[in-house]
Protein backbone atom coordinates (compact mmCIF):
# COMPACT_ATOMS: atom_id res chain seq x y z
CA MET A 1 107.31 -49.71 -189.21
CA ILE A 2 106.62 -45.90 -188.57
CA THR A 3 108.93 -43.29 -190.24
CA THR A 4 108.99 -39.71 -189.07
CA LEU A 5 109.31 -36.99 -191.61
CA LEU A 6 109.58 -33.18 -191.31
CA TYR A 7 107.65 -31.06 -193.79
CA LYS A 8 107.41 -27.45 -194.21
CA SER A 9 104.10 -25.93 -193.55
CA GLY A 10 103.34 -22.23 -192.86
CA VAL A 11 106.36 -20.84 -190.92
CA GLY A 12 107.83 -23.84 -189.45
CA TYR A 13 108.37 -27.50 -189.72
CA LYS A 14 105.88 -30.12 -188.68
CA ARG A 15 106.36 -33.71 -187.76
CA MET A 16 104.46 -36.33 -189.73
CA LYS A 17 104.56 -40.01 -189.00
CA LEU A 18 103.83 -42.21 -192.08
CA LYS A 19 103.76 -45.94 -192.36
CA LEU A 20 106.70 -47.32 -194.50
CA ILE A 21 104.19 -48.13 -197.27
CA TRP A 22 103.23 -44.39 -197.46
CA LEU A 23 106.85 -43.44 -197.73
CA ILE A 24 107.20 -45.75 -200.70
CA LEU A 25 104.06 -44.32 -202.19
CA ILE A 26 105.49 -40.84 -201.88
CA ILE A 27 108.77 -41.83 -203.43
CA SER A 28 107.00 -43.63 -206.30
CA LEU A 29 104.97 -40.70 -207.07
CA CYS A 30 107.94 -38.41 -207.14
CA SER A 31 109.80 -40.79 -209.50
CA GLY A 32 106.79 -40.61 -211.92
CA GLU A 33 105.90 -44.30 -211.60
CA TYR A 34 102.29 -45.30 -211.80
CA ILE A 35 101.40 -47.57 -208.81
CA CYS A 36 97.66 -48.24 -209.00
CA TYR A 37 97.96 -51.73 -210.36
CA ASN A 38 97.42 -54.90 -208.28
CA ASN A 39 96.75 -53.23 -204.98
CA GLN A 40 92.97 -53.49 -205.08
CA GLY A 41 91.38 -51.98 -201.90
CA THR A 42 94.65 -52.29 -200.17
CA TYR A 43 94.00 -49.21 -197.95
CA ALA A 44 90.30 -49.49 -197.41
CA TYR A 45 90.36 -51.13 -193.90
CA VAL A 46 88.29 -51.12 -190.85
CA THR A 47 89.83 -49.49 -187.86
CA GLU A 48 89.67 -50.02 -184.20
CA THR A 49 87.13 -47.66 -182.61
CA ASN A 50 85.62 -46.66 -179.34
CA CYS A 51 82.35 -46.21 -181.07
CA THR A 52 81.35 -49.89 -181.55
CA GLY A 53 77.53 -50.10 -180.95
CA ALA A 54 77.23 -46.27 -180.90
CA GLN A 55 73.92 -44.91 -182.52
CA ASN A 56 74.22 -43.64 -185.90
CA SER A 57 72.85 -40.18 -186.84
CA GLN A 58 70.18 -40.52 -189.65
CA ASP A 59 71.46 -37.52 -191.30
CA ILE A 60 75.04 -38.66 -191.35
CA TYR A 61 73.88 -42.25 -192.40
CA ASP A 62 71.97 -40.62 -195.35
CA VAL A 63 75.14 -38.77 -196.42
CA LEU A 64 77.32 -41.87 -196.54
CA GLN A 65 74.53 -43.75 -198.32
CA ASP A 66 74.65 -41.05 -201.03
CA PHE A 67 78.33 -41.15 -201.04
CA TYR A 68 78.19 -44.99 -201.51
CA LYS A 69 75.69 -44.98 -204.19
CA GLY A 70 77.17 -41.87 -206.11
CA LEU A 71 80.65 -43.78 -206.21
CA ASN A 72 79.18 -47.12 -207.04
CA GLY A 73 79.83 -48.67 -203.67
CA ALA A 74 78.32 -52.26 -204.62
CA ASN A 75 81.34 -52.67 -206.90
CA TRP A 76 84.10 -51.43 -204.53
CA TYR A 77 86.77 -54.03 -203.58
CA ILE A 78 86.42 -53.62 -199.86
CA ASN A 79 82.97 -52.23 -198.69
CA THR A 80 82.76 -54.00 -195.46
CA ASN A 81 79.99 -52.95 -193.15
CA TRP A 82 78.91 -50.09 -195.42
CA LEU A 83 75.14 -49.38 -195.23
CA ASP A 84 74.84 -51.91 -192.30
CA GLY A 85 72.54 -50.04 -190.03
CA THR A 86 73.39 -52.28 -187.08
CA MET A 87 77.01 -51.18 -187.07
CA SER A 88 78.49 -47.85 -186.21
CA TYR A 89 79.61 -45.98 -189.35
CA CYS A 90 82.84 -45.60 -187.44
CA GLU A 91 83.19 -49.40 -188.16
CA TRP A 92 82.73 -49.10 -191.96
CA ALA A 93 85.71 -49.81 -194.12
CA GLY A 94 87.77 -46.65 -194.87
CA LEU A 95 86.14 -44.45 -192.19
CA GLU A 96 87.76 -43.07 -188.94
CA CYS A 97 86.13 -41.28 -186.26
CA ASN A 98 87.11 -39.10 -183.45
CA LEU A 99 86.29 -39.75 -179.64
CA GLN A 100 82.94 -38.29 -180.13
CA CYS A 101 82.07 -40.81 -182.87
CA ASN A 102 82.28 -38.04 -185.68
CA ILE A 103 83.78 -39.06 -189.02
CA THR A 104 87.07 -37.52 -189.43
CA SER A 105 88.63 -39.53 -192.37
CA ILE A 106 87.53 -41.25 -195.49
CA GLU A 107 90.59 -43.37 -196.79
CA LEU A 108 89.44 -45.52 -199.77
CA VAL A 109 92.66 -45.82 -201.87
CA ASN A 110 92.54 -47.89 -204.96
CA ASN A 111 89.06 -49.36 -204.15
CA ASN A 112 87.25 -49.09 -207.49
CA LEU A 113 85.15 -45.89 -206.64
CA THR A 114 83.52 -44.80 -209.80
CA GLY A 115 81.38 -41.85 -210.25
CA VAL A 116 80.49 -38.69 -208.47
CA ILE A 117 81.13 -37.16 -204.84
CA THR A 118 77.80 -35.86 -204.26
CA ASP A 119 76.99 -32.56 -202.58
CA LYS A 120 75.72 -34.10 -199.48
CA ILE A 121 79.30 -34.78 -198.45
CA SER A 122 79.33 -31.23 -197.22
CA LYS A 123 77.35 -32.28 -194.20
CA LEU A 124 80.37 -34.24 -192.88
CA GLU A 125 81.53 -31.15 -190.98
CA THR A 126 84.21 -32.78 -188.97
CA LEU A 127 85.90 -34.44 -191.89
CA ILE A 128 89.77 -33.57 -191.91
CA ASN A 129 91.02 -36.10 -194.34
CA ILE A 130 89.62 -37.40 -197.58
CA ASN A 131 92.01 -39.75 -199.54
CA LEU A 132 90.55 -41.48 -202.74
CA PHE A 133 93.96 -41.99 -204.30
CA CYS A 134 93.83 -44.47 -207.55
CA ASN A 135 90.13 -44.64 -208.25
CA TYR A 136 87.78 -43.43 -211.06
CA VAL A 137 86.05 -40.34 -209.42
CA GLU A 138 85.02 -38.02 -212.08
CA TYR A 139 83.19 -35.11 -210.50
CA GLY A 140 82.32 -33.63 -207.23
CA LEU A 141 85.32 -31.76 -206.37
CA SER A 142 83.26 -28.53 -205.81
CA SER A 143 81.14 -30.56 -202.96
CA LEU A 144 84.25 -30.38 -200.72
CA LYS A 145 84.36 -26.61 -200.87
CA PHE A 146 82.31 -26.31 -197.60
CA LEU A 147 84.40 -28.77 -195.48
CA THR A 148 86.55 -26.07 -193.97
CA LEU A 149 88.24 -28.36 -191.42
CA LEU A 150 90.02 -30.55 -194.34
CA GLU A 151 93.79 -30.86 -193.74
CA GLU A 152 94.19 -33.34 -196.64
CA ILE A 153 92.48 -33.72 -199.90
CA THR A 154 94.03 -36.51 -202.08
CA LEU A 155 92.42 -37.43 -205.48
CA THR A 156 95.51 -38.17 -207.21
CA TYR A 157 95.08 -40.76 -210.21
CA ASN A 158 91.31 -40.30 -210.54
CA ASN A 159 89.53 -38.90 -213.53
CA VAL A 160 88.29 -35.62 -211.74
CA HIS A 161 86.97 -32.92 -214.23
CA GLY A 162 86.70 -29.20 -213.60
CA THR A 163 88.52 -26.60 -211.55
CA ILE A 164 89.84 -26.47 -208.09
CA PRO A 165 87.57 -24.44 -206.06
CA VAL A 166 88.84 -21.21 -205.07
CA GLU A 167 87.42 -21.87 -201.36
CA PHE A 168 90.35 -24.24 -200.90
CA GLY A 169 92.58 -21.34 -200.70
CA GLN A 170 90.70 -20.15 -197.65
CA PHE A 171 91.02 -23.48 -195.72
CA HIS A 172 93.35 -22.52 -192.99
CA ASN A 173 94.05 -26.14 -192.00
CA LEU A 174 94.65 -27.47 -195.54
CA GLU A 175 98.28 -28.81 -195.87
CA ILE A 176 97.98 -31.35 -198.51
CA LEU A 177 96.28 -31.00 -201.88
CA ASN A 178 97.11 -33.88 -204.27
CA MET A 179 95.30 -33.59 -207.44
CA GLN A 180 97.79 -35.09 -209.97
CA GLN A 181 96.83 -37.19 -212.91
CA ASN A 182 93.28 -35.89 -213.39
CA LYS A 183 91.44 -33.66 -215.90
CA ILE A 184 91.57 -30.47 -213.99
CA GLU A 185 91.36 -27.22 -215.95
């Protein structure tokens, strides 16, 4: 089921379509309920892609390998196809790509990510969404400051330390910044 919501952004209202589960997620957050229990890896999925069999860039593969290792990927609840060099990284769990097979989204919600987002992530220049809700990410927020196309950063219910980079204020496309329940200064 898809629900259309209107939300204020800039000068007007925009439409946003959400699956019903995300609507429930938003309502639960607003009511203050903690909802990270018993949904292990629920939202880390392999999406359909037109990039099946596409040649992976070695540079991007190295970035993703670093991301995987920095966040203890061997212990993720769902890590389907990760680091499989025979598969397009667009077929790896939690990654979405555009028509040119560039990574645009990382969605690894409640997937037992523990550790650090490393600086190499800044090489994912086409990334517009990173959603690591309900994990154990501790550091690496500053490594996102060069990803100026980001529209959404969701790191709610993690263990992120540090400060929110001032560069986020200069991201013209950033509409959603969710950082609740962390150790932000």
